[in-house]
Amino acid sequence: MILRAATADPTALDRAVAYPADGPVAALTAERIREELASDRIRPEWIWSAEDEDGELLARALWWGRADSERPVALDCLQVREGVADPAGLAADLLAAGHAAFGKAPGYNISLPREWRSDPALAAAVAWRREAARRAGLTQEVERLRYEWTPAAGTADPTGRLVFREGTDEEFLDVFARLSRGSLDVNTRQELAVMTEEEFAKDDFAFYLDCPGERSWWRLAHLPDGTLAGMAIPSATPYHPNVGYLGVVPEQRGKGLIDEVLGEITRFHAAAGAGRITATTDTVNVPMAAAFDRAGYEVTEIRLVLEPPPGA
């Protein structure tokens, strides 16, 4: 078995791109891969394949990153040809080869319909992918709801319960730390098991600063008397405006203020002409999911996120 990147020879990229986008788990088409290659979000060195001694492609892995990423951010597609006796084993070897070349193990995002567990073929295809990811070190798992807002949902008018203003980097770092306390977000809870609130705040600040959205969009949220209530960070992906980060400080939770914060982000993007706003939250974060539902956001898919453990 030969495991190699699509930089191996002049034909390797074409053959890897042409690999069929079939099977019950959604995969990128050749046309979409070409678009991502042209935008530098998928690169030949981030496309890995497994070939037998006759040169037949038996598996393919595609990693994705932002155009300015030095290394891939996430595994986008993982496919093994039907009939391979041990798809999990072959896929795990392919992931391990890619991870060794990258010097890191990017997470794996599997996009699924909401009722994916009720489809036996789809559930089986997910099962071997989860096992392959586990063997390759992606042992942490969280299921997320992917939401989408469109103009048809409308926007809520401001109620005056909160006042939004710009803030300094130091103020936002403080709020990032405060919002992490008692968070229902799975990743936040995992990260705080191995780092301090201040370290976590710096990482989150750096992450959102590096996203396609503008730092000037960020807002602190206060009660009319000046008491800090939370923050709203409208952001963006390479494809759509996005609800980046939002939250209410622990002492103000349970008062419905999260609706006000989400409403501010939605109005901000809508005023800029957004035709679609995307957002995600963990399935276990019931209050946040309920806020998205109330604001007219609709679930478009489930994302099964497989990642290495914190600190790995």
Protein backbone atom coordinates (compact mmCIF):
# COMPACT_ATOMS: atom_id res chain seq x y z
CA MET A 1 0.00 0.00 0.00
CA ILE A 2 1.30 3.46 -0.96
CA LEU A 3 0.19 6.47 1.08
CA ARG A 4 1.11 9.80 -0.50
CA ALA A 5 0.11 13.40 -1.09
CA ALA A 6 -1.14 14.66 -4.44
CA THR A 7 2.26 16.26 -5.00
CA ALA A 8 3.85 12.85 -5.65
CA ASP A 9 3.81 13.03 -9.47
CA PRO A 10 2.26 15.16 -12.24
CA THR A 11 -0.86 12.98 -12.46
CA ALA A 12 -1.45 12.47 -8.73
CA LEU A 13 -3.57 15.58 -8.26
CA ASP A 14 -5.84 14.89 -11.23
CA ARG A 15 -6.42 11.32 -10.12
CA ALA A 16 -7.14 12.33 -6.53
CA VAL A 17 -9.55 15.07 -7.59
CA ALA A 18 -11.37 12.67 -9.94
CA TYR A 19 -12.01 10.16 -7.15
CA PRO A 20 -15.81 9.57 -7.07
CA ALA A 21 -17.77 11.73 -4.61
CA ASP A 22 -20.05 8.80 -3.81
CA GLY A 23 -21.24 6.99 -0.70
CA PRO A 24 -23.79 7.95 1.96
CA VAL A 25 -21.53 10.57 3.61
CA ALA A 26 -21.45 13.78 1.58
CA ALA A 27 -18.15 14.50 -0.22
CA LEU A 28 -16.86 17.35 -2.34
CA THR A 29 -17.32 17.03 -6.09
CA ALA A 30 -14.38 17.42 -8.46
CA GLU A 31 -15.73 20.83 -9.52
CA ARG A 32 -15.93 22.04 -5.92
CA ILE A 33 -12.43 20.75 -5.16
CA ARG A 34 -11.08 22.66 -8.17
CA GLU A 35 -12.75 25.81 -6.84
CA GLU A 36 -11.18 25.31 -3.41
CA LEU A 37 -7.77 24.63 -4.97
CA ALA A 38 -8.04 27.85 -6.94
CA SER A 39 -8.82 29.73 -3.71
CA ASP A 40 -5.92 28.03 -1.89
CA ARG A 41 -8.27 26.57 0.73
CA ILE A 42 -7.42 23.03 -0.41
CA ARG A 43 -3.86 22.41 -1.59
CA PRO A 44 -2.18 19.45 -3.32
CA GLU A 45 -0.09 18.76 -0.22
CA TRP A 46 -3.31 18.54 1.81
CA ILE A 47 -4.83 15.86 -0.45
CA TRP A 48 -3.69 12.35 0.46
CA SER A 49 -4.54 9.03 -1.15
CA ALA A 50 -3.92 5.34 -0.60
CA GLU A 51 -3.03 3.30 -3.67
CA ASP A 52 -2.46 -0.40 -4.22
CA GLU A 53 0.53 -1.78 -6.12
CA ASP A 54 -1.35 -1.36 -9.41
CA GLY A 55 -1.91 2.35 -8.81
CA GLU A 56 -5.63 2.08 -8.03
CA LEU A 57 -6.84 4.68 -5.54
CA LEU A 58 -8.45 2.92 -2.60
CA ALA A 59 -8.90 5.88 -0.27
CA ARG A 60 -8.76 9.67 -0.25
CA ALA A 61 -8.50 12.32 2.45
CA LEU A 62 -8.96 16.04 1.82
CA TRP A 63 -7.91 18.61 4.39
CA TRP A 64 -9.12 22.21 4.30
CA GLY A 65 -7.72 25.52 5.57
CA ARG A 66 -8.12 29.24 5.09
CA ALA A 67 -6.25 30.87 2.23
CA ASP A 68 -3.65 32.22 4.66
CA SER A 69 -3.29 29.02 6.70
CA GLU A 70 0.18 27.55 7.01
CA ARG A 71 -1.28 24.14 7.83
CA PRO A 72 -4.74 22.64 7.30
CA VAL A 73 -7.47 23.52 9.77
CA ALA A 74 -9.76 20.50 9.39
CA LEU A 75 -10.28 17.24 7.55
CA ASP A 76 -13.12 17.80 5.09
CA CYS A 77 -13.54 14.47 3.26
CA LEU A 78 -12.51 10.91 4.08
CA GLN A 79 -13.44 8.17 1.63
CA VAL A 80 -12.54 4.50 1.20
CA ARG A 81 -13.51 2.54 -1.89
CA GLU A 82 -16.35 0.08 -1.42
CA GLY A 83 -15.10 -3.48 -1.01
CA VAL A 84 -12.01 -2.66 1.07
CA ALA A 85 -12.00 -5.25 3.85
CA ASP A 86 -10.99 -2.88 6.69
CA PRO A 87 -12.02 0.67 5.79
CA ALA A 88 -11.33 1.98 9.29
CA GLY A 89 -7.82 0.55 9.29
CA LEU A 90 -6.90 1.92 5.86
CA ALA A 91 -8.42 5.32 6.66
CA ALA A 92 -6.56 5.46 9.99
CA ASP A 93 -3.25 4.79 8.22
CA LEU A 94 -4.03 7.52 5.69
CA LEU A 95 -4.86 10.03 8.44
CA ALA A 96 -1.71 9.14 10.35
CA ALA A 97 0.40 9.76 7.25
CA GLY A 98 -1.19 13.16 6.73
CA HIS A 99 -0.85 14.11 10.40
CA ALA A 100 2.85 13.22 10.34
CA ALA A 101 3.40 15.41 7.29
CA PHE A 102 1.47 18.36 8.79
CA GLY A 103 3.03 18.10 12.22
CA LYS A 104 -0.44 18.23 13.78
CA ALA A 105 -3.75 16.36 13.80
CA PRO A 106 -6.50 18.66 12.47
CA GLY A 107 -10.04 17.88 13.58
CA TYR A 108 -12.53 16.11 11.34
CA ASN A 109 -15.95 17.66 10.62
CA ILE A 110 -18.55 15.23 9.29
CA SER A 111 -21.64 16.96 7.88
CA LEU A 112 -24.80 14.89 8.34
CA PRO A 113 -28.57 15.19 8.11
CA ARG A 114 -30.33 15.61 11.45
CA GLU A 115 -31.76 12.08 11.51
CA TRP A 116 -28.59 10.34 10.34
CA ARG A 117 -28.76 7.59 12.96
CA SER A 118 -31.99 6.23 11.47
CA ASP A 119 -30.31 5.46 8.11
CA PRO A 120 -28.43 2.12 8.48
CA ALA A 121 -26.08 2.70 5.53
CA LEU A 122 -25.23 6.21 6.68
CA ALA A 123 -24.76 5.12 10.30
CA ALA A 124 -22.37 2.36 9.18
CA ALA A 125 -20.38 4.80 7.04
CA VAL A 126 -20.08 7.16 10.00
CA ALA A 127 -19.05 4.30 12.30
CA TRP A 128 -15.90 3.34 10.39
CA ARG A 129 -14.94 7.00 10.01
CA ARG A 130 -15.26 7.53 13.77
CA GLU A 131 -13.13 4.46 14.40
CA ALA A 132 -10.48 5.60 11.92
CA ALA A 133 -10.40 9.04 13.53
CA ARG A 134 -10.10 7.48 17.00
CA ARG A 135 -7.15 5.32 15.91
CA ALA A 136 -5.50 8.41 14.42
CA GLY A 137 -5.76 10.32 17.69
CA LEU A 138 -9.03 12.20 17.20
CA THR A 139 -10.55 10.86 20.39
CA GLN A 140 -12.71 13.82 21.44
CA GLU A 141 -16.20 13.94 19.95
CA VAL A 142 -18.94 16.54 19.96
CA GLU A 143 -22.12 16.84 17.94
CA ARG A 144 -23.08 20.33 16.78
CA LEU A 145 -26.15 21.90 15.21
CA ARG A 146 -25.44 23.99 12.12
CA TYR A 147 -27.94 26.84 11.86
CA GLU A 148 -28.76 29.24 9.07
CA TRP A 149 -30.65 32.55 8.97
CA THR A 150 -32.09 34.07 5.79
CA PRO A 151 -33.88 37.40 5.31
CA ALA A 152 -37.23 35.61 5.23
CA ALA A 153 -36.87 35.08 8.99
CA GLY A 154 -36.69 38.82 9.63
CA THR A 155 -34.92 40.54 12.52
CA ALA A 156 -36.08 41.50 15.98
CA ASP A 157 -36.17 45.19 16.87
CA PRO A 158 -33.91 46.35 19.72
CA THR A 159 -35.73 46.36 23.05
CA GLY A 160 -33.42 48.71 24.92
CA ARG A 161 -32.58 46.06 27.50
CA LEU A 162 -28.94 46.17 26.37
CA VAL A 163 -26.62 48.84 25.06
CA PHE A 164 -23.83 47.80 22.70
CA ARG A 165 -20.49 49.57 22.31
CA GLU A 166 -17.00 48.99 21.02
CA GLY A 167 -14.33 47.87 23.48
CA THR A 168 -10.59 47.57 23.93
CA ASP A 169 -8.66 44.36 23.49
CA GLU A 170 -8.15 44.21 27.27
CA GLU A 171 -11.91 44.49 27.87
CA PHE A 172 -12.67 41.71 25.41
CA LEU A 173 -10.01 39.45 26.92
CA ASP A 174 -11.64 39.93 30.32
CA VAL A 175 -15.09 39.11 28.93
CA PHE A 176 -13.83 36.02 27.09
CA ALA A 177 -12.52 34.75 30.42
CA ARG A 178 -15.72 35.57 32.30
CA LEU A 179 -17.94 33.93 29.68
CA SER A 180 -16.00 30.68 29.95
CA ARG A 181 -17.20 30.20 33.55
CA GLY A 182 -20.04 27.72 33.65
CA SER A 183 -20.14 27.46 29.86
CA LEU A 184 -22.16 24.61 28.33
CA ASP A 185 -19.88 24.56 25.28
CA VAL A 186 -18.10 21.19 25.22
CA ASN A 187 -14.83 22.50 23.77
CA THR A 188 -14.67 25.29 26.35
CA ARG A 189 -15.13 22.85 29.23
CA GLN A 190 -12.47 20.52 27.80
CA GLU A 191 -9.94 23.29 27.26
CA LEU A 192 -10.44 24.69 30.76
CA ALA A 193 -9.45 21.30 32.13
CA VAL A 194 -5.90 21.87 30.86
CA MET A 195 -5.48 25.67 30.86
CA THR A 196 -6.43 28.74 32.87
CA GLU A 197 -9.30 31.09 32.02
CA GLU A 198 -6.78 33.72 30.98
CA GLU A 199 -4.96 31.32 28.63
CA PHE A 200 -8.27 30.20 27.16
CA ALA A 201 -9.35 33.82 26.66
CA LYS A 202 -6.15 34.63 24.77
CA ASP A 203 -6.63 31.61 22.50
CA ASP A 204 -10.26 32.51 21.76
CA PHE A 205 -9.38 36.16 21.17
CA ALA A 206 -6.65 35.15 18.71
CA PHE A 207 -8.96 32.71 16.93
CA TYR A 208 -11.72 35.24 16.26
CA LEU A 209 -9.19 37.94 15.39
CA ASP A 210 -7.88 35.58 12.69
CA CYS A 211 -11.35 34.88 11.22
CA PRO A 212 -12.43 36.69 8.03
CA GLY A 213 -14.66 39.07 10.03
CA GLU A 214 -13.41 42.50 11.12
CA ARG A 215 -12.26 43.38 14.64
CA SER A 216 -14.26 46.61 14.35
CA TRP A 217 -17.48 44.55 14.31
CA TRP A 218 -17.06 43.35 17.91
CA ARG A 219 -19.35 44.79 20.59
CA LEU A 220 -19.59 44.67 24.38
CA ALA A 221 -23.12 44.44 25.81
CA HIS A 222 -24.15 46.44 28.89
CA LEU A 223 -27.31 47.01 30.86
CA PRO A 224 -28.57 50.60 30.59
CA ASP A 225 -26.93 51.38 33.96
CA GLY A 226 -23.51 50.38 32.58
CA THR A 227 -23.32 46.90 34.13
CA LEU A 228 -21.51 44.46 31.85
CA ALA A 229 -23.87 41.85 30.42
CA GLY A 230 -21.85 40.05 27.73
CA MET A 231 -20.55 40.47 24.22
CA ALA A 232 -21.49 40.03 20.57
CA ILE A 233 -18.93 39.11 17.93
CA PRO A 234 -20.33 39.09 14.39
CA SER A 235 -17.82 37.21 12.26
CA ALA A 236 -17.50 35.41 8.93
CA THR A 237 -16.32 32.23 7.28
CA PRO A 238 -14.71 32.27 3.83
CA TYR A 239 -18.23 31.68 2.50
CA HIS A 240 -20.82 33.51 4.62
CA PRO A 241 -21.37 36.01 7.44
CA ASN A 242 -21.37 34.10 10.68
CA VAL A 243 -22.45 34.33 14.30
CA GLY A 244 -18.93 34.15 15.66
CA TYR A 245 -19.11 34.34 19.45
CA LEU A 246 -21.78 35.53 21.83
CA GLY A 247 -22.51 35.13 25.47
CA VAL A 248 -23.87 36.55 28.71
CA VAL A 249 -21.72 36.78 31.85
CA PRO A 250 -22.68 34.29 34.60
CA GLU A 251 -24.33 36.82 36.92
CA GLN A 252 -26.71 37.98 34.13
CA ARG A 253 -27.72 34.56 32.78
CA GLY A 254 -31.26 33.26 32.95
CA LYS A 255 -32.83 36.64 32.13
CA GLY A 256 -33.33 36.20 28.38
CA LEU A 257 -30.47 38.53 27.50
CA ILE A 258 -28.94 36.02 25.07
CA ASP A 259 -31.82 36.86 22.70
CA GLU A 260 -30.75 40.50 22.78
CA VAL A 261 -27.12 39.63 22.01
CA LEU A 262 -28.03 37.30 19.15
CA GLY A 263 -30.45 39.90 17.83
CA GLU A 264 -27.65 42.47 17.68
CA ILE A 265 -25.43 40.14 15.64
CA THR A 266 -28.28 39.25 13.29
CA ARG A 267 -29.23 42.90 12.75
CA PHE A 268 -25.58 43.81 12.12
CA HIS A 269 -25.18 41.27 9.31
CA ALA A 270 -28.66 41.90 7.92
CA ALA A 271 -27.97 45.64 7.70
CA ALA A 272 -24.88 44.84 5.63
CA GLY A 273 -27.06 42.93 3.16
CA ALA A 274 -26.41 39.35 4.27
CA GLY A 275 -28.45 36.81 2.34
CA ARG A 276 -27.43 34.06 4.73
CA ILE A 277 -25.94 33.96 8.24
CA THR A 278 -24.53 30.70 9.56
CA ALA A 279 -24.02 29.59 13.15
CA THR A 280 -23.26 26.46 15.17
CA THR A 281 -23.80 25.30 18.72
CA ASP A 282 -23.36 22.01 20.56
CA THR A 283 -26.45 19.81 20.76
CA VAL A 284 -26.02 19.74 24.56
CA ASN A 285 -26.17 23.56 24.72
CA VAL A 286 -29.96 23.59 24.87
CA PRO A 287 -30.36 27.27 25.90
CA MET A 288 -28.27 28.48 22.95
CA ALA A 289 -30.09 26.22 20.51
CA ALA A 290 -33.41 27.55 21.81
CA ALA A 291 -32.21 31.13 21.27
CA PHE A 292 -31.36 30.36 17.65
CA ASP A 293 -34.78 28.78 17.19
CA ARG A 294 -36.52 31.86 18.62
CA ALA A 295 -34.50 34.15 16.34
CA GLY A 296 -35.66 32.32 13.21
CA TYR A 297 -32.47 30.38 12.54
CA GLU A 298 -33.09 26.91 11.09
CA VAL A 299 -31.03 23.73 11.50
CA THR A 300 -29.54 22.72 8.16
CA GLU A 301 -27.29 19.87 9.28
CA ILE A 302 -25.55 18.08 12.11
CA ARG A 303 -21.79 18.36 12.38
CA LEU A 304 -20.01 15.51 14.08
CA VAL A 305 -16.69 17.01 15.17
CA LEU A 306 -13.82 14.63 15.99
CA GLU A 307 -10.71 16.22 17.49
CA PRO A 308 -7.55 15.39 19.40
CA PRO A 309 -7.80 15.77 23.19
CA PRO A 310 -6.97 19.18 24.69
CA GLY A 311 -3.24 19.73 24.92
CA ALA A 312 -2.42 17.02 22.36
